[in-house]
Amino acid sequence: MKNLKLNQLNILKINNKTYLPYQLHQLPKFFNKYITDFISLKGYTYISLDDHYNNNKYFNYTNFKNNLSYNKDLNYKLKR
């Protein structure tokens, strides 16, 4: 595996598998560290897209991709 140098939140593609990022307080209910395919990197937990489809039949990948952002990238109305 190559060294990963990330300075922003990304969807990872490693060995023909796609991994979606989560912070620890955002982990989905189906997450189990013993049976879920995941990677921990720089404070984020990346969970395999296959696990999402296996555990949630209503999962919408395009909606997840469109709403993915850092908090600092959001345009808050009350930002000073």
Protein backbone atom coordinates (compact mmCIF):
# COMPACT_ATOMS: atom_id res chain seq x y z
CA MET A 1 0.00 0.00 0.00
CA LYS A 2 1.32 3.46 -0.85
CA ASN A 3 1.72 6.14 1.77
CA LEU A 4 -1.45 8.18 2.04
CA LYS A 5 -0.98 11.93 2.36
CA LEU A 6 -4.35 13.55 2.92
CA ASN A 7 -5.07 17.11 3.96
CA GLN A 8 -8.79 17.00 3.33
CA LEU A 9 -11.65 14.57 3.76
CA ASN A 10 -11.79 12.07 0.90
CA ILE A 11 -13.52 8.89 -0.15
CA LEU A 12 -10.73 6.32 -0.37
CA LYS A 13 -10.40 3.72 -3.14
CA ILE A 14 -7.92 0.99 -2.19
CA ASN A 15 -7.61 -2.40 -3.92
CA ASN A 16 -10.85 -1.90 -5.90
CA LYS A 17 -12.78 -1.19 -2.67
CA THR A 18 -14.38 2.11 -1.73
CA TYR A 19 -14.21 3.40 1.85
CA LEU A 20 -16.43 6.17 3.25
CA PRO A 21 -15.16 8.47 6.04
CA TYR A 22 -16.77 8.94 9.46
CA GLN A 23 -15.75 10.67 12.66
CA LEU A 24 -15.97 8.56 15.81
CA HIS A 25 -19.21 10.19 17.01
CA GLN A 26 -20.83 9.70 13.57
CA LEU A 27 -20.33 5.95 13.16
CA PRO A 28 -23.42 4.12 11.84
CA LYS A 29 -25.35 1.71 14.09
CA PHE A 30 -24.24 -1.36 12.16
CA PHE A 31 -20.54 -0.65 12.84
CA ASN A 32 -18.81 -3.47 14.72
CA LYS A 33 -15.03 -3.35 14.91
CA TYR A 34 -14.79 -7.14 14.79
CA ILE A 35 -16.82 -7.83 11.62
CA THR A 36 -16.87 -4.53 9.71
CA ASP A 37 -14.26 -3.86 7.01
CA PHE A 38 -12.73 -0.52 8.04
CA ILE A 39 -9.54 1.56 8.12
CA SER A 40 -8.60 4.10 10.80
CA LEU A 41 -6.61 7.07 9.51
CA LYS A 42 -5.96 10.57 10.93
CA GLY A 43 -8.90 10.55 13.34
CA TYR A 44 -11.38 9.23 10.81
CA THR A 45 -12.81 5.74 10.41
CA TYR A 46 -13.26 4.67 6.80
CA ILE A 47 -15.95 2.00 6.36
CA SER A 48 -16.27 -0.15 3.24
CA LEU A 49 -19.07 0.73 0.81
CA ASP A 50 -19.99 -2.98 0.62
CA ASP A 51 -20.80 -2.96 4.35
CA HIS A 52 -23.13 -0.01 3.83
CA TYR A 53 -25.08 -1.81 1.13
CA ASN A 54 -25.20 -5.06 3.13
CA ASN A 55 -26.54 -3.39 6.29
CA ASN A 56 -28.77 -0.63 4.92
CA LYS A 57 -30.92 -1.31 1.88
CA TYR A 58 -31.88 2.40 1.66
CA PHE A 59 -28.30 3.73 1.56
CA ASN A 60 -27.86 6.41 -1.13
CA TYR A 61 -24.20 6.77 -2.19
CA THR A 62 -24.70 9.89 -4.33
CA ASN A 63 -26.46 11.66 -1.47
CA PHE A 64 -23.59 10.73 0.87
CA LYS A 65 -21.01 12.07 -1.64
CA ASN A 66 -22.87 15.34 -2.15
CA ASN A 67 -23.17 16.05 1.58
CA LEU A 68 -19.57 15.20 2.47
CA SER A 69 -17.65 18.21 3.80
CA TYR A 70 -15.41 19.55 6.55
CA ASN A 71 -17.09 21.80 9.09
CA LYS A 72 -14.74 24.61 8.09
CA ASP A 73 -16.04 24.41 4.51
CA LEU A 74 -19.64 25.04 5.50
CA ASN A 75 -20.98 28.56 5.00
CA TYR A 76 -22.51 29.48 8.33
CA LYS A 77 -24.83 32.48 8.45
CA LEU A 78 -23.52 33.54 11.85
CA LYS A 79 -19.85 33.09 11.00
CA ARG A 80 -17.68 35.97 12.20
